[in-house]
Amino acid sequence: MNTFKSVIVWFLAVSFLVVMFPISLIIWTLVLPFDKNRVVIHWILTWQGILLMRLLSASGIKIQGREKVVRGTTYVIISNHQSILDTLLLFCLKYKFKWISKIENVRIPILGWYLKLADYIIVDRGNEESKIEMLDKSYRCLKKGISIMIFPEGTRSKDGEIGLFKRGAFQLAIDANVPILPVLIDGTGNLLPKHKLVLETGQGLRFRILDPILPDTFNTKNPDELAAKISSMYTWELKRLRDNNHAL
């Protein structure tokens, strides 16, 4: 997609968010007394995210493995991270969860407002107290039956490959004794590379839900060991996904 088409698509996307935010705010205000966990605003964001992702990805999205998600189960949901579009793409999971978001996102107009409306969990990655508070809030959500969504790499991959997984998500899964739901995505880094705004054409997106990892299969209480184990699994699964795609 050339620069002109990218400008048009981004204009439509931003216009959509600007129009939808006041409507979302009104709904949030009306349901707030009955929706302490901000479930309604999360579902509004889910459908907005799906619509925006369909707009931005002209080549479509291939989703596999929906049947592996057991509805009503509390998960620590993890995903690899290739692009700023990953957040929109992961709404295609259509599941109730709380995002863990870096504090920089709160300062972005509209996006930051939505993060606050949905009461998502914010972390300042350079502040140890903030990290501890994030883990505490996330743990309390999990014990209340609310899933958590997190990028264990902590930042976008520069080359689309799997980066080092940090221990936080795995510490939560161990402490709260809940399964991990791994989601593998590929193609967003090609559609919108890091630090760029021009959308590339012909980039199909792949979204694969892997088998949930149950607590009795962790085989360790060490979050660093679990992080390394699952990071290796992701590297292998990404290679397999790409090999299968090339074979088609």
C-alpha atoms as a PDB file:
ATOM      1  CA  MET A   1       0.000   0.000   0.000  1.00  0.00           C
ATOM      2  CA  ASN A   2       1.557   3.300  -1.058  1.00  0.00           C
ATOM      3  CA  THR A   3       1.833   6.406   1.077  1.00  0.00           C
ATOM      4  CA  PHE A   4      -1.335   8.015  -0.292  1.00  0.00           C
ATOM      5  CA  LYS A   5      -3.454   4.945   0.450  1.00  0.00           C
ATOM      6  CA  SER A   6      -1.915   4.692   3.928  1.00  0.00           C
ATOM      7  CA  VAL A   7      -2.903   8.294   4.645  1.00  0.00           C
ATOM      8  CA  ILE A   8      -6.487   7.537   3.599  1.00  0.00           C
ATOM      9  CA  VAL A   9      -6.664   4.393   5.734  1.00  0.00           C
ATOM     10  CA  TRP A  10      -5.180   6.122   8.793  1.00  0.00           C
ATOM     11  CA  PHE A  11      -7.538   9.066   8.324  1.00  0.00           C
ATOM     12  CA  LEU A  12     -10.529   6.707   8.284  1.00  0.00           C
ATOM     13  CA  ALA A  13      -9.219   4.805  11.312  1.00  0.00           C
ATOM     14  CA  VAL A  14      -8.620   7.932  13.396  1.00  0.00           C
ATOM     15  CA  SER A  15     -11.965   9.416  12.326  1.00  0.00           C
ATOM     16  CA  PHE A  16     -13.685   6.221  13.407  1.00  0.00           C
ATOM     17  CA  LEU A  17     -12.081   6.418  16.867  1.00  0.00           C
ATOM     18  CA  VAL A  18     -12.908  10.109  17.252  1.00  0.00           C
ATOM     19  CA  VAL A  19     -16.548   9.465  16.404  1.00  0.00           C
ATOM     20  CA  MET A  20     -16.817   6.352  18.566  1.00  0.00           C
ATOM     21  CA  PHE A  21     -15.156   7.717  21.695  1.00  0.00           C
ATOM     22  CA  PRO A  22     -18.043  10.008  22.805  1.00  0.00           C
ATOM     23  CA  ILE A  23     -20.497   7.171  22.194  1.00  0.00           C
ATOM     24  CA  SER A  24     -18.312   4.796  24.207  1.00  0.00           C
ATOM     25  CA  LEU A  25     -18.009   7.366  26.992  1.00  0.00           C
ATOM     26  CA  ILE A  26     -21.791   7.743  27.230  1.00  0.00           C
ATOM     27  CA  ILE A  27     -22.268   3.964  27.421  1.00  0.00           C
ATOM     28  CA  TRP A  28     -19.468   3.688  30.003  1.00  0.00           C
ATOM     29  CA  THR A  29     -21.145   6.337  32.157  1.00  0.00           C
ATOM     30  CA  LEU A  30     -24.548   4.637  31.972  1.00  0.00           C
ATOM     31  CA  VAL A  31     -23.324   1.158  32.895  1.00  0.00           C
ATOM     32  CA  LEU A  32     -20.602   2.157  35.376  1.00  0.00           C
ATOM     33  CA  PRO A  33     -22.736   1.577  38.526  1.00  0.00           C
ATOM     34  CA  PHE A  34     -23.414  -1.997  37.400  1.00  0.00           C
ATOM     35  CA  ASP A  35     -20.111  -2.804  35.685  1.00  0.00           C
ATOM     36  CA  LYS A  36     -17.299  -2.507  38.219  1.00  0.00           C
ATOM     37  CA  ASN A  37     -14.989  -4.755  36.200  1.00  0.00           C
ATOM     38  CA  ARG A  38     -15.505  -2.611  33.041  1.00  0.00           C
ATOM     39  CA  VAL A  39     -16.657  -5.602  30.999  1.00  0.00           C
ATOM     40  CA  VAL A  40     -18.955  -3.547  28.746  1.00  0.00           C
ATOM     41  CA  ILE A  41     -16.269  -1.088  27.673  1.00  0.00           C
ATOM     42  CA  HIS A  42     -13.907  -4.015  27.036  1.00  0.00           C
ATOM     43  CA  TRP A  43     -16.390  -5.560  24.604  1.00  0.00           C
ATOM     44  CA  ILE A  44     -16.904  -2.187  22.918  1.00  0.00           C
ATOM     45  CA  LEU A  45     -13.134  -1.953  22.450  1.00  0.00           C
ATOM     46  CA  THR A  46     -13.048  -5.534  21.205  1.00  0.00           C
ATOM     47  CA  TRP A  47     -15.459  -4.869  18.356  1.00  0.00           C
ATOM     48  CA  GLN A  48     -13.874  -1.524  17.523  1.00  0.00           C
ATOM     49  CA  GLY A  49     -10.478  -3.244  17.394  1.00  0.00           C
ATOM     50  CA  ILE A  50     -11.766  -5.980  15.096  1.00  0.00           C
ATOM     51  CA  LEU A  51     -13.344  -3.451  12.718  1.00  0.00           C
ATOM     52  CA  LEU A  52     -10.167  -1.355  12.624  1.00  0.00           C
ATOM     53  CA  MET A  53      -8.033  -4.432  11.998  1.00  0.00           C
ATOM     54  CA  ARG A  54     -10.242  -5.403   9.068  1.00  0.00           C
ATOM     55  CA  LEU A  55      -9.820  -1.877   7.671  1.00  0.00           C
ATOM     56  CA  LEU A  56      -6.040  -1.848   8.050  1.00  0.00           C
ATOM     57  CA  SER A  57      -5.435  -5.344   6.712  1.00  0.00           C
ATOM     58  CA  ALA A  58      -6.677  -5.479   3.133  1.00  0.00           C
ATOM     59  CA  SER A  59      -5.223  -8.998   2.721  1.00  0.00           C
ATOM     60  CA  GLY A  60      -7.342 -10.459   5.509  1.00  0.00           C
ATOM     61  CA  ILE A  61      -6.673 -12.320   8.754  1.00  0.00           C
ATOM     62  CA  LYS A  62      -6.288 -16.080   9.052  1.00  0.00           C
ATOM     63  CA  ILE A  63      -7.363 -17.274  12.511  1.00  0.00           C
ATOM     64  CA  GLN A  64      -6.739 -20.819  13.748  1.00  0.00           C
ATOM     65  CA  GLY A  65      -7.390 -22.644  17.014  1.00  0.00           C
ATOM     66  CA  ARG A  66     -10.463 -20.901  18.422  1.00  0.00           C
ATOM     67  CA  GLU A  67     -11.734 -24.275  19.598  1.00  0.00           C
ATOM     68  CA  LYS A  68      -8.815 -24.521  22.047  1.00  0.00           C
ATOM     69  CA  VAL A  69     -10.151 -21.663  24.180  1.00  0.00           C
ATOM     70  CA  VAL A  70     -12.387 -22.928  26.997  1.00  0.00           C
ATOM     71  CA  ARG A  71     -14.892 -20.141  27.591  1.00  0.00           C
ATOM     72  CA  GLY A  72     -15.135 -19.068  31.213  1.00  0.00           C
ATOM     73  CA  THR A  73     -11.579 -20.198  32.020  1.00  0.00           C
ATOM     74  CA  THR A  74      -9.220 -17.686  33.596  1.00  0.00           C
ATOM     75  CA  TYR A  75      -5.937 -17.456  31.674  1.00  0.00           C
ATOM     76  CA  VAL A  76      -2.711 -15.575  31.573  1.00  0.00           C
ATOM     77  CA  ILE A  77      -2.859 -14.838  27.836  1.00  0.00           C
ATOM     78  CA  ILE A  78       0.481 -14.208  26.149  1.00  0.00           C
ATOM     79  CA  SER A  79       1.486 -13.275  22.607  1.00  0.00           C
ATOM     80  CA  ASN A  80       4.602 -12.445  20.670  1.00  0.00           C
ATOM     81  CA  HIS A  81       4.875  -8.795  19.647  1.00  0.00           C
ATOM     82  CA  GLN A  82       5.739  -7.560  16.133  1.00  0.00           C
ATOM     83  CA  SER A  83       3.837  -4.291  15.603  1.00  0.00           C
ATOM     84  CA  ILE A  84       1.621  -1.668  17.221  1.00  0.00           C
ATOM     85  CA  LEU A  85      -1.191  -3.402  15.309  1.00  0.00           C
ATOM     86  CA  ASP A  86      -0.871  -6.463  17.559  1.00  0.00           C
ATOM     87  CA  THR A  87      -3.159  -4.896  20.146  1.00  0.00           C
ATOM     88  CA  LEU A  88      -5.957  -4.586  17.602  1.00  0.00           C
ATOM     89  CA  LEU A  89      -5.306  -8.053  16.222  1.00  0.00           C
ATOM     90  CA  LEU A  90      -5.493  -9.679  19.649  1.00  0.00           C
ATOM     91  CA  PHE A  91      -8.986  -8.322  20.166  1.00  0.00           C
ATOM     92  CA  CYS A  92      -9.914 -10.904  17.494  1.00  0.00           C
ATOM     93  CA  LEU A  93      -9.588 -13.461  20.289  1.00  0.00           C
ATOM     94  CA  LYS A  94     -12.991 -12.187  21.472  1.00  0.00           C
ATOM     95  CA  TYR A  95     -12.298 -12.951  25.120  1.00  0.00           C
ATOM     96  CA  LYS A  96     -12.756 -11.067  28.370  1.00  0.00           C
ATOM     97  CA  PHE A  97      -9.412  -9.897  29.733  1.00  0.00           C
ATOM     98  CA  LYS A  98      -7.453  -6.976  31.151  1.00  0.00           C
ATOM     99  CA  TRP A  99      -4.577  -5.621  29.088  1.00  0.00           C
ATOM    100  CA  ILE A 100      -1.263  -4.870  30.742  1.00  0.00           C
ATOM    101  CA  SER A 101      -0.059  -1.735  28.962  1.00  0.00           C
ATOM    102  CA  LYS A 102       3.070   0.385  29.234  1.00  0.00           C
ATOM    103  CA  ILE A 103       2.563   3.833  30.739  1.00  0.00           C
ATOM    104  CA  GLU A 104       3.611   5.569  27.495  1.00  0.00           C
ATOM    105  CA  ASN A 105       0.319   4.494  25.903  1.00  0.00           C
ATOM    106  CA  VAL A 106      -1.687   6.414  28.516  1.00  0.00           C
ATOM    107  CA  ARG A 107      -0.281   9.677  27.161  1.00  0.00           C
ATOM    108  CA  ILE A 108      -1.658   9.055  23.653  1.00  0.00           C
ATOM    109  CA  PRO A 109      -4.982  10.853  23.046  1.00  0.00           C
ATOM    110  CA  ILE A 110      -8.022   8.567  22.718  1.00  0.00           C
ATOM    111  CA  LEU A 111      -5.915   5.417  23.285  1.00  0.00           C
ATOM    112  CA  GLY A 112      -4.964   6.566  26.772  1.00  0.00           C
ATOM    113  CA  TRP A 113      -8.538   7.600  27.522  1.00  0.00           C
ATOM    114  CA  TYR A 114      -9.794   4.160  26.497  1.00  0.00           C
ATOM    115  CA  LEU A 115      -7.172   2.464  28.680  1.00  0.00           C
ATOM    116  CA  LYS A 116      -8.475   4.383  31.684  1.00  0.00           C
ATOM    117  CA  LEU A 117     -12.152   3.764  30.861  1.00  0.00           C
ATOM    118  CA  ALA A 118     -11.520   0.023  30.633  1.00  0.00           C
ATOM    119  CA  ASP A 119      -9.435   0.091  33.822  1.00  0.00           C
ATOM    120  CA  TYR A 120      -6.625  -1.797  32.125  1.00  0.00           C
ATOM    121  CA  ILE A 121      -3.456  -2.321  34.117  1.00  0.00           C
ATOM    122  CA  ILE A 122      -0.676   0.217  33.500  1.00  0.00           C
ATOM    123  CA  VAL A 123       3.004  -0.356  34.203  1.00  0.00           C
ATOM    124  CA  ASP A 124       5.996   1.953  34.128  1.00  0.00           C
ATOM    125  CA  ARG A 125       8.681  -0.447  32.937  1.00  0.00           C
ATOM    126  CA  GLY A 126      11.461   1.702  34.391  1.00  0.00           C
ATOM    127  CA  ASN A 127       9.944   1.793  37.874  1.00  0.00           C
ATOM    128  CA  GLU A 128      10.303  -1.261  40.134  1.00  0.00           C
ATOM    129  CA  GLU A 129       7.445  -0.164  42.412  1.00  0.00           C
ATOM    130  CA  SER A 130       5.172   0.127  39.382  1.00  0.00           C
ATOM    131  CA  LYS A 131       6.124  -3.397  38.293  1.00  0.00           C
ATOM    132  CA  ILE A 132       5.281  -4.760  41.739  1.00  0.00           C
ATOM    133  CA  GLU A 133       1.947  -2.909  41.731  1.00  0.00           C
ATOM    134  CA  MET A 134       1.197  -4.281  38.255  1.00  0.00           C
ATOM    135  CA  LEU A 135       1.826  -7.840  39.412  1.00  0.00           C
ATOM    136  CA  ASP A 136      -0.371  -7.301  42.472  1.00  0.00           C
ATOM    137  CA  LYS A 137      -3.276  -5.886  40.441  1.00  0.00           C
ATOM    138  CA  SER A 138      -2.928  -8.643  37.857  1.00  0.00           C
ATOM    139  CA  TYR A 139      -2.896 -11.337  40.539  1.00  0.00           C
ATOM    140  CA  ARG A 140      -6.072  -9.914  42.105  1.00  0.00           C
ATOM    141  CA  CYS A 141      -7.769  -9.902  38.688  1.00  0.00           C
ATOM    142  CA  LEU A 142      -6.835 -13.534  38.110  1.00  0.00           C
ATOM    143  CA  LYS A 143      -8.193 -14.551  41.520  1.00  0.00           C
ATOM    144  CA  LYS A 144     -11.469 -12.790  40.627  1.00  0.00           C
ATOM    145  CA  GLY A 145     -11.693 -14.819  37.432  1.00  0.00           C
ATOM    146  CA  ILE A 146     -10.533 -12.073  35.044  1.00  0.00           C
ATOM    147  CA  SER A 147      -7.911 -13.105  32.502  1.00  0.00           C
ATOM    148  CA  ILE A 148      -4.774 -11.041  31.868  1.00  0.00           C
ATOM    149  CA  MET A 149      -3.269 -10.234  28.460  1.00  0.00           C
ATOM    150  CA  ILE A 150       0.446  -9.466  28.262  1.00  0.00           C
ATOM    151  CA  PHE A 151       3.315  -9.338  25.772  1.00  0.00           C
ATOM    152  CA  PRO A 152       6.101 -11.247  27.583  1.00  0.00           C
ATOM    153  CA  GLU A 153       8.754  -9.769  25.263  1.00  0.00           C
ATOM    154  CA  GLY A 154       7.844  -6.358  26.678  1.00  0.00           C
ATOM    155  CA  THR A 155       8.464  -4.566  23.395  1.00  0.00           C
ATOM    156  CA  ARG A 156       8.086  -5.079  19.653  1.00  0.00           C
ATOM    157  CA  SER A 157      10.492  -7.364  17.827  1.00  0.00           C
ATOM    158  CA  LYS A 158      12.792  -5.549  15.397  1.00  0.00           C
ATOM    159  CA  ASP A 159      12.981  -8.428  12.930  1.00  0.00           C
ATOM    160  CA  GLY A 160       9.753 -10.375  13.507  1.00  0.00           C
ATOM    161  CA  GLU A 161      11.539 -13.150  15.390  1.00  0.00           C
ATOM    162  CA  ILE A 162      10.792 -14.158  18.986  1.00  0.00           C
ATOM    163  CA  GLY A 163      12.583 -12.022  21.571  1.00  0.00           C
ATOM    164  CA  LEU A 164      13.510 -12.788  25.168  1.00  0.00           C
ATOM    165  CA  PHE A 165      10.465 -13.523  27.343  1.00  0.00           C
ATOM    166  CA  LYS A 166      10.434 -11.699  30.663  1.00  0.00           C
ATOM    167  CA  ARG A 167       9.360 -13.477  33.831  1.00  0.00           C
ATOM    168  CA  GLY A 168       6.276 -11.419  34.871  1.00  0.00           C
ATOM    169  CA  ALA A 169       3.551 -13.312  32.977  1.00  0.00           C
ATOM    170  CA  PHE A 170       4.930 -16.644  34.124  1.00  0.00           C
ATOM    171  CA  GLN A 171       5.261 -15.511  37.731  1.00  0.00           C
ATOM    172  CA  LEU A 172       1.564 -14.622  37.622  1.00  0.00           C
ATOM    173  CA  ALA A 173       0.555 -17.988  36.171  1.00  0.00           C
ATOM    174  CA  ILE A 174       2.568 -19.857  38.807  1.00  0.00           C
ATOM    175  CA  ASP A 175       1.373 -17.766  41.758  1.00  0.00           C
ATOM    176  CA  ALA A 176      -2.303 -17.729  40.723  1.00  0.00           C
ATOM    177  CA  ASN A 177      -2.203 -21.373  39.557  1.00  0.00           C
ATOM    178  CA  VAL A 178      -3.942 -20.598  36.257  1.00  0.00           C
ATOM    179  CA  PRO A 179      -3.235 -21.892  32.738  1.00  0.00           C
ATOM    180  CA  ILE A 180      -1.318 -19.937  30.138  1.00  0.00           C
ATOM    181  CA  LEU A 181      -3.046 -19.348  26.797  1.00  0.00           C
ATOM    182  CA  PRO A 182      -0.352 -18.828  24.134  1.00  0.00           C
ATOM    183  CA  VAL A 183      -1.296 -16.873  21.012  1.00  0.00           C
ATOM    184  CA  LEU A 184       1.072 -16.746  18.041  1.00  0.00           C
ATOM    185  CA  ILE A 185       0.786 -13.921  15.526  1.00  0.00           C
ATOM    186  CA  ASP A 186       2.733 -13.262  12.355  1.00  0.00           C
ATOM    187  CA  GLY A 187       2.574 -10.689   9.573  1.00  0.00           C
ATOM    188  CA  THR A 188       1.853  -7.516  11.539  1.00  0.00           C
ATOM    189  CA  GLY A 189       5.542  -6.614  11.510  1.00  0.00           C
ATOM    190  CA  ASN A 190       5.476  -6.744   7.727  1.00  0.00           C
ATOM    191  CA  LEU A 191       2.187  -4.875   7.410  1.00  0.00           C
ATOM    192  CA  LEU A 192       3.380  -2.072   9.698  1.00  0.00           C
ATOM    193  CA  PRO A 193       7.074  -2.326  10.669  1.00  0.00           C
ATOM    194  CA  LYS A 194       8.379  -0.806  13.876  1.00  0.00           C
ATOM    195  CA  HIS A 195       8.780   2.999  13.762  1.00  0.00           C
ATOM    196  CA  LYS A 196       6.911   3.277  10.435  1.00  0.00           C
ATOM    197  CA  LEU A 197       3.429   4.489   9.485  1.00  0.00           C
ATOM    198  CA  VAL A 198       3.197   3.413   5.846  1.00  0.00           C
ATOM    199  CA  LEU A 199       1.172   0.219   5.505  1.00  0.00           C
ATOM    200  CA  GLU A 200       2.625  -2.425   3.202  1.00  0.00           C
ATOM    201  CA  THR A 201       0.436  -4.275   0.707  1.00  0.00           C
ATOM    202  CA  GLY A 202      -0.063  -8.002   0.299  1.00  0.00           C
ATOM    203  CA  GLN A 203       0.685  -8.834   3.895  1.00  0.00           C
ATOM    204  CA  GLY A 204      -1.701 -11.481   5.179  1.00  0.00           C
ATOM    205  CA  LEU A 205      -1.959 -11.832   8.939  1.00  0.00           C
ATOM    206  CA  ARG A 206      -1.838 -15.143  10.762  1.00  0.00           C
ATOM    207  CA  PHE A 207      -3.332 -15.574  14.221  1.00  0.00           C
ATOM    208  CA  ARG A 208      -2.935 -18.997  15.813  1.00  0.00           C
ATOM    209  CA  ILE A 209      -4.165 -20.005  19.263  1.00  0.00           C
ATOM    210  CA  LEU A 210      -1.879 -22.712  20.628  1.00  0.00           C
ATOM    211  CA  ASP A 211      -2.740 -25.398  23.167  1.00  0.00           C
ATOM    212  CA  PRO A 212      -3.307 -23.971  26.666  1.00  0.00           C
ATOM    213  CA  ILE A 213      -0.493 -24.794  29.080  1.00  0.00           C
ATOM    214  CA  LEU A 214      -1.979 -26.119  32.317  1.00  0.00           C
ATOM    215  CA  PRO A 215      -0.348 -25.487  35.705  1.00  0.00           C
ATOM    216  CA  ASP A 216       0.335 -29.197  36.279  1.00  0.00           C
ATOM    217  CA  THR A 217       2.483 -29.227  33.121  1.00  0.00           C
ATOM    218  CA  PHE A 218       4.655 -26.249  34.080  1.00  0.00           C
ATOM    219  CA  ASN A 219       7.099 -28.690  35.735  1.00  0.00           C
ATOM    220  CA  THR A 220       8.759 -25.796  37.551  1.00  0.00           C
ATOM    221  CA  LYS A 221       8.063 -23.088  40.092  1.00  0.00           C
ATOM    222  CA  ASN A 222      10.800 -20.924  38.624  1.00  0.00           C
ATOM    223  CA  PRO A 223       9.278 -18.236  36.346  1.00  0.00           C
ATOM    224  CA  ASP A 224      12.552 -17.719  34.479  1.00  0.00           C
ATOM    225  CA  GLU A 225      12.726 -21.406  33.585  1.00  0.00           C
ATOM    226  CA  LEU A 226       9.096 -21.389  32.470  1.00  0.00           C
ATOM    227  CA  ALA A 227       9.686 -18.232  30.404  1.00  0.00           C
ATOM    228  CA  ALA A 228      12.682 -19.814  28.651  1.00  0.00           C
ATOM    229  CA  LYS A 229      10.750 -23.036  27.990  1.00  0.00           C
ATOM    230  CA  ILE A 230       7.769 -21.254  26.425  1.00  0.00           C
ATOM    231  CA  SER A 231       9.987 -18.824  24.504  1.00  0.00           C
ATOM    232  CA  SER A 232      11.673 -21.822  22.847  1.00  0.00           C
ATOM    233  CA  MET A 233       8.258 -23.274  22.041  1.00  0.00           C
ATOM    234  CA  TYR A 234       7.268 -19.987  20.375  1.00  0.00           C
ATOM    235  CA  THR A 235      10.420 -19.959  18.255  1.00  0.00           C
ATOM    236  CA  TRP A 236       9.640 -23.468  17.010  1.00  0.00           C
ATOM    237  CA  GLU A 237       5.941 -22.739  16.424  1.00  0.00           C
ATOM    238  CA  LEU A 238       6.718 -19.552  14.470  1.00  0.00           C
ATOM    239  CA  LYS A 239       9.116 -21.444  12.209  1.00  0.00           C
ATOM    240  CA  ARG A 240       6.508 -24.149  11.648  1.00  0.00           C
ATOM    241  CA  LEU A 241       3.826 -21.562  10.885  1.00  0.00           C
ATOM    242  CA  ARG A 242       6.011 -19.875   8.281  1.00  0.00           C
ATOM    243  CA  ASP A 243       7.127 -23.176   6.751  1.00  0.00           C
ATOM    244  CA  ASN A 244       3.511 -24.296   6.381  1.00  0.00           C
ATOM    245  CA  ASN A 245       2.571 -20.951   4.836  1.00  0.00           C
ATOM    246  CA  HIS A 246       5.368 -21.195   2.261  1.00  0.00           C
ATOM    247  CA  ALA A 247       4.288 -24.720   1.379  1.00  0.00           C
ATOM    248  CA  LEU A 248       0.763 -23.562   0.417  1.00  0.00           C
END
